[in-house]
C-alpha atoms as a PDB file:
ATOM      1  CA  MET A   1       0.000   0.000   0.000  1.00  0.00           C
ATOM      2  CA  ALA A   2       2.836   2.351   0.814  1.00  0.00           C
ATOM      3  CA  ASN A   3       4.257   1.581  -2.608  1.00  0.00           C
ATOM      4  CA  THR A   4       1.189   2.802  -4.489  1.00  0.00           C
ATOM      5  CA  LYS A   5       1.186   5.962  -2.397  1.00  0.00           C
ATOM      6  CA  ILE A   6       4.783   6.685  -3.384  1.00  0.00           C
ATOM      7  CA  ALA A   7       4.089   5.883  -7.032  1.00  0.00           C
ATOM      8  CA  ARG A   8       1.123   8.234  -7.093  1.00  0.00           C
ATOM      9  CA  LYS A   9       3.190  11.017  -5.564  1.00  0.00           C
ATOM     10  CA  GLU A  10       5.943  10.427  -8.127  1.00  0.00           C
ATOM     11  CA  ARG A  11       3.468  10.537 -11.006  1.00  0.00           C
ATOM     12  CA  LYS A  12       1.985  13.765  -9.688  1.00  0.00           C
ATOM     13  CA  ARG A  13       5.443  15.320  -9.430  1.00  0.00           C
ATOM     14  CA  LYS A  14       6.351  14.308 -12.996  1.00  0.00           C
ATOM     15  CA  LYS A  15       3.087  15.694 -14.338  1.00  0.00           C
ATOM     16  CA  LYS A  16       3.659  18.983 -12.525  1.00  0.00           C
ATOM     17  CA  LYS A  17       7.200  19.201 -13.912  1.00  0.00           C
ATOM     18  CA  LYS A  18       5.907  18.597 -17.440  1.00  0.00           C
ATOM     19  CA  GLU A  19       3.249  21.280 -17.085  1.00  0.00           C
ATOM     20  CA  GLU A  20       5.817  23.775 -15.789  1.00  0.00           C
ATOM     21  CA  LYS A  21       8.021  23.009 -18.797  1.00  0.00           C
ATOM     22  CA  ASN A  22       5.120  23.581 -21.189  1.00  0.00           C
ATOM     23  CA  ILE A  23       4.279  26.877 -19.515  1.00  0.00           C
ATOM     24  CA  SER A  24       7.877  28.098 -19.757  1.00  0.00           C
ATOM     25  CA  VAL A  25       8.046  27.132 -23.444  1.00  0.00           C
ATOM     26  CA  ALA A  26       4.778  28.946 -24.172  1.00  0.00           C
ATOM     27  CA  ARG A  27       6.024  32.028 -22.314  1.00  0.00           C
ATOM     28  CA  ARG A  28       9.283  32.009 -24.279  1.00  0.00           C
ATOM     29  CA  ASP A  29       7.379  31.676 -27.564  1.00  0.00           C
ATOM     30  CA  ARG A  30       5.137  34.601 -26.691  1.00  0.00           C
ATOM     31  CA  PHE A  31       8.162  36.796 -25.936  1.00  0.00           C
ATOM     32  CA  THR A  32       9.918  35.632 -29.086  1.00  0.00           C
ATOM     33  CA  HIS A  33       6.954  36.549 -31.278  1.00  0.00           C
ATOM     34  CA  SER A  34       6.361  39.907 -29.612  1.00  0.00           C
ATOM     35  CA  LYS A  35       8.395  42.901 -30.806  1.00  0.00           C
ATOM     36  CA  LYS A  36       9.485  43.797 -27.274  1.00  0.00           C
ATOM     37  CA  PRO A  37      12.889  42.473 -26.189  1.00  0.00           C
ATOM     38  CA  ILE A  38      12.824  39.696 -23.624  1.00  0.00           C
ATOM     39  CA  THR A  39      13.077  41.229 -20.165  1.00  0.00           C
ATOM     40  CA  THR A  40      12.561  38.082 -18.111  1.00  0.00           C
ATOM     41  CA  SER A  41      15.459  35.817 -17.282  1.00  0.00           C
ATOM     42  CA  LYS A  42      15.678  32.272 -18.608  1.00  0.00           C
END
């Protein structure tokens, strides 16, 4: 039972990481396509 709990936590963490990555990519794309220079750090 403890195993499934750990696995679920791990899956949640991976999903969160993936979503964060997607958000950062989208943000970078938006800045790239806008005419303003990028002011945020990587």
